[in-house]
Amino acid sequence: MRKIFSRADLWLLIALVIVIAGIWLLRRSGSGQTVCVRVDGKEVARLALSRDGEYPVESVYGRNLVKIRDGSAFVAETDCPNGDCLRGSISKSGDSLACLPHHLTLTVEGEGGIDAVSGK
């Protein structure tokens, strides 16, 4: 009767599993991503997505409360008239969220996002 796997095949399989697990763990670590908070295009705060918290942002246009929970940033409270910025959260590099009446933008910066998408 013939063996399906040799000892070398087993070691190769173990090495591949270790490499794949290492890559997966490195990608999950978040690479130190941050959220850049801007009012009128000027940076007013830079927040780490890895640290949960609440951050009030006040300007001449109004007040917003930015929250970070479980690696995602979102606007939890605002006094703007339409509240569109309350819908959704951002977590990946390149994601952005805006409160237009308050001239507020949140943008995730750091590694791990898609740089370009090709139609080919």
C-alpha atoms as a PDB file:
ATOM      1  CA  MET A   1       0.000   0.000   0.000  1.00  0.00           C
ATOM      2  CA  ARG A   2       1.320   3.454  -0.970  1.00  0.00           C
ATOM      3  CA  LYS A   3       1.438   6.466   1.403  1.00  0.00           C
ATOM      4  CA  ILE A   4      -0.506   9.582   0.375  1.00  0.00           C
ATOM      5  CA  PHE A   5       1.781  12.056   2.209  1.00  0.00           C
ATOM      6  CA  SER A   6       5.473  11.792   2.848  1.00  0.00           C
ATOM      7  CA  ARG A   7       7.223  13.326   5.858  1.00  0.00           C
ATOM      8  CA  ALA A   8       8.500  16.208   3.655  1.00  0.00           C
ATOM      9  CA  ASP A   9       4.934  16.944   2.497  1.00  0.00           C
ATOM     10  CA  LEU A  10       3.817  17.182   6.104  1.00  0.00           C
ATOM     11  CA  TRP A  11       6.609  19.659   6.974  1.00  0.00           C
ATOM     12  CA  LEU A  12       5.788  21.753   3.908  1.00  0.00           C
ATOM     13  CA  LEU A  13       2.127  21.859   4.916  1.00  0.00           C
ATOM     14  CA  ILE A  14       3.019  22.913   8.473  1.00  0.00           C
ATOM     15  CA  ALA A  15       5.294  25.683   7.153  1.00  0.00           C
ATOM     16  CA  LEU A  16       2.546  26.975   4.854  1.00  0.00           C
ATOM     17  CA  VAL A  17       0.025  27.053   7.693  1.00  0.00           C
ATOM     18  CA  ILE A  18       2.471  29.025   9.873  1.00  0.00           C
ATOM     19  CA  VAL A  19       3.174  31.556   7.097  1.00  0.00           C
ATOM     20  CA  ILE A  20      -0.529  32.030   6.324  1.00  0.00           C
ATOM     21  CA  ALA A  21      -1.374  32.428  10.030  1.00  0.00           C
ATOM     22  CA  GLY A  22       1.403  35.019  10.414  1.00  0.00           C
ATOM     23  CA  ILE A  23       0.172  37.054   7.448  1.00  0.00           C
ATOM     24  CA  TRP A  24      -3.400  36.910   8.736  1.00  0.00           C
ATOM     25  CA  LEU A  25      -2.351  38.077  12.210  1.00  0.00           C
ATOM     26  CA  LEU A  26      -0.302  40.963  10.794  1.00  0.00           C
ATOM     27  CA  ARG A  27      -3.212  42.142   8.631  1.00  0.00           C
ATOM     28  CA  ARG A  28      -5.625  42.031  11.601  1.00  0.00           C
ATOM     29  CA  SER A  29      -3.349  44.179  13.771  1.00  0.00           C
ATOM     30  CA  GLY A  30      -4.589  47.369  12.076  1.00  0.00           C
ATOM     31  CA  SER A  31      -1.111  48.746  11.284  1.00  0.00           C
ATOM     32  CA  GLY A  32      -1.654  51.758  13.533  1.00  0.00           C
ATOM     33  CA  GLN A  33      -4.496  53.297  11.537  1.00  0.00           C
ATOM     34  CA  THR A  34      -5.698  56.724  12.561  1.00  0.00           C
ATOM     35  CA  VAL A  35      -8.706  58.930  11.921  1.00  0.00           C
ATOM     36  CA  CYS A  36      -7.899  62.473  10.853  1.00  0.00           C
ATOM     37  CA  VAL A  37     -10.589  64.940  11.981  1.00  0.00           C
ATOM     38  CA  ARG A  38     -10.739  68.155   9.966  1.00  0.00           C
ATOM     39  CA  VAL A  39     -12.898  71.289  10.146  1.00  0.00           C
ATOM     40  CA  ASP A  40     -12.722  73.575   7.096  1.00  0.00           C
ATOM     41  CA  GLY A  41      -9.899  71.362   5.804  1.00  0.00           C
ATOM     42  CA  LYS A  42      -7.701  72.055   8.844  1.00  0.00           C
ATOM     43  CA  GLU A  43      -6.723  69.121  11.037  1.00  0.00           C
ATOM     44  CA  VAL A  44      -8.153  69.479  14.545  1.00  0.00           C
ATOM     45  CA  ALA A  45      -7.473  65.951  15.843  1.00  0.00           C
ATOM     46  CA  ARG A  46      -5.770  62.688  14.954  1.00  0.00           C
ATOM     47  CA  LEU A  47      -7.288  59.678  16.730  1.00  0.00           C
ATOM     48  CA  ALA A  48      -6.084  56.072  16.894  1.00  0.00           C
ATOM     49  CA  LEU A  49      -8.662  53.513  15.774  1.00  0.00           C
ATOM     50  CA  SER A  50      -7.187  51.075  18.280  1.00  0.00           C
ATOM     51  CA  ARG A  51      -8.271  53.203  21.261  1.00  0.00           C
ATOM     52  CA  ASP A  52     -11.989  53.402  22.082  1.00  0.00           C
ATOM     53  CA  GLY A  53     -13.234  56.780  23.231  1.00  0.00           C
ATOM     54  CA  GLU A  54     -15.459  59.822  22.776  1.00  0.00           C
ATOM     55  CA  TYR A  55     -14.117  63.043  21.304  1.00  0.00           C
ATOM     56  CA  PRO A  56     -16.192  66.247  21.141  1.00  0.00           C
ATOM     57  CA  VAL A  57     -15.486  68.482  18.144  1.00  0.00           C
ATOM     58  CA  GLU A  58     -16.734  72.049  18.504  1.00  0.00           C
ATOM     59  CA  SER A  59     -16.393  74.803  15.921  1.00  0.00           C
ATOM     60  CA  VAL A  60     -18.155  77.985  14.881  1.00  0.00           C
ATOM     61  CA  TYR A  61     -20.498  75.776  12.806  1.00  0.00           C
ATOM     62  CA  GLY A  62     -21.686  73.545  15.643  1.00  0.00           C
ATOM     63  CA  ARG A  63     -20.913  70.526  17.805  1.00  0.00           C
ATOM     64  CA  ASN A  64     -20.259  66.875  16.910  1.00  0.00           C
ATOM     65  CA  LEU A  65     -19.359  63.924  19.106  1.00  0.00           C
ATOM     66  CA  VAL A  66     -16.983  61.493  17.395  1.00  0.00           C
ATOM     67  CA  LYS A  67     -16.792  58.008  18.893  1.00  0.00           C
ATOM     68  CA  ILE A  68     -14.345  55.192  18.264  1.00  0.00           C
ATOM     69  CA  ARG A  69     -15.521  51.686  19.120  1.00  0.00           C
ATOM     70  CA  ASP A  70     -13.994  48.339  18.115  1.00  0.00           C
ATOM     71  CA  GLY A  71     -11.798  49.838  15.377  1.00  0.00           C
ATOM     72  CA  SER A  72     -14.527  51.964  13.758  1.00  0.00           C
ATOM     73  CA  ALA A  73     -15.124  55.709  13.957  1.00  0.00           C
ATOM     74  CA  PHE A  74     -18.522  57.371  13.689  1.00  0.00           C
ATOM     75  CA  VAL A  75     -20.393  60.543  14.591  1.00  0.00           C
ATOM     76  CA  ALA A  76     -22.581  59.680  17.582  1.00  0.00           C
ATOM     77  CA  GLU A  77     -24.182  63.071  18.209  1.00  0.00           C
ATOM     78  CA  THR A  78     -24.562  66.299  16.243  1.00  0.00           C
ATOM     79  CA  ASP A  79     -26.599  69.472  16.368  1.00  0.00           C
ATOM     80  CA  CYS A  80     -26.753  69.907  12.577  1.00  0.00           C
ATOM     81  CA  PRO A  81     -30.226  70.108  10.994  1.00  0.00           C
ATOM     82  CA  ASN A  82     -30.253  66.933   8.865  1.00  0.00           C
ATOM     83  CA  GLY A  83     -28.084  64.428  10.789  1.00  0.00           C
ATOM     84  CA  ASP A  84     -26.830  62.612   7.663  1.00  0.00           C
ATOM     85  CA  CYS A  85     -23.419  62.165   9.301  1.00  0.00           C
ATOM     86  CA  LEU A  86     -25.013  59.914  11.948  1.00  0.00           C
ATOM     87  CA  ARG A  87     -25.513  57.170   9.358  1.00  0.00           C
ATOM     88  CA  GLY A  88     -22.504  54.936   9.011  1.00  0.00           C
ATOM     89  CA  SER A  89     -19.034  54.339  10.329  1.00  0.00           C
ATOM     90  CA  ILE A  90     -15.523  54.185   8.882  1.00  0.00           C
ATOM     91  CA  SER A  91     -12.738  51.713   9.597  1.00  0.00           C
ATOM     92  CA  LYS A  92     -10.594  51.071   6.494  1.00  0.00           C
ATOM     93  CA  SER A  93      -7.844  53.222   5.059  1.00  0.00           C
ATOM     94  CA  GLY A  94      -9.343  55.727   2.634  1.00  0.00           C
ATOM     95  CA  ASP A  95     -12.834  55.659   4.177  1.00  0.00           C
ATOM     96  CA  SER A  96     -14.319  59.064   4.943  1.00  0.00           C
ATOM     97  CA  LEU A  97     -17.382  60.551   6.579  1.00  0.00           C
ATOM     98  CA  ALA A  98     -18.595  64.152   6.436  1.00  0.00           C
ATOM     99  CA  CYS A  99     -20.928  66.526   8.240  1.00  0.00           C
ATOM    100  CA  LEU A 100     -21.393  69.176   5.557  1.00  0.00           C
ATOM    101  CA  PRO A 101     -23.271  71.784   7.655  1.00  0.00           C
ATOM    102  CA  HIS A 102     -20.391  71.714  10.183  1.00  0.00           C
ATOM    103  CA  HIS A 103     -17.598  71.542   7.548  1.00  0.00           C
ATOM    104  CA  LEU A 104     -16.365  68.407   9.367  1.00  0.00           C
ATOM    105  CA  THR A 105     -14.646  65.444   7.714  1.00  0.00           C
ATOM    106  CA  LEU A 106     -13.306  62.204   9.197  1.00  0.00           C
ATOM    107  CA  THR A 107     -10.809  60.222   7.117  1.00  0.00           C
ATOM    108  CA  VAL A 108      -9.091  56.932   7.973  1.00  0.00           C
ATOM    109  CA  GLU A 109      -5.389  57.071   7.179  1.00  0.00           C
ATOM    110  CA  GLY A 110      -2.799  54.330   7.383  1.00  0.00           C
ATOM    111  CA  GLU A 111      -1.873  51.058   5.765  1.00  0.00           C
ATOM    112  CA  GLY A 112      -4.193  48.301   4.689  1.00  0.00           C
ATOM    113  CA  GLY A 113      -6.539  49.991   2.251  1.00  0.00           C
ATOM    114  CA  ILE A 114      -6.990  49.548  -1.475  1.00  0.00           C
ATOM    115  CA  ASP A 115      -4.779  51.947  -3.420  1.00  0.00           C
ATOM    116  CA  ALA A 116      -6.515  51.513  -6.772  1.00  0.00           C
ATOM    117  CA  VAL A 117      -9.124  49.429  -8.520  1.00  0.00           C
ATOM    118  CA  SER A 118      -8.593  48.287 -12.071  1.00  0.00           C
ATOM    119  CA  GLY A 119     -11.410  47.485 -14.462  1.00  0.00           C
ATOM    120  CA  LYS A 120      -9.281  44.933 -16.294  1.00  0.00           C
END
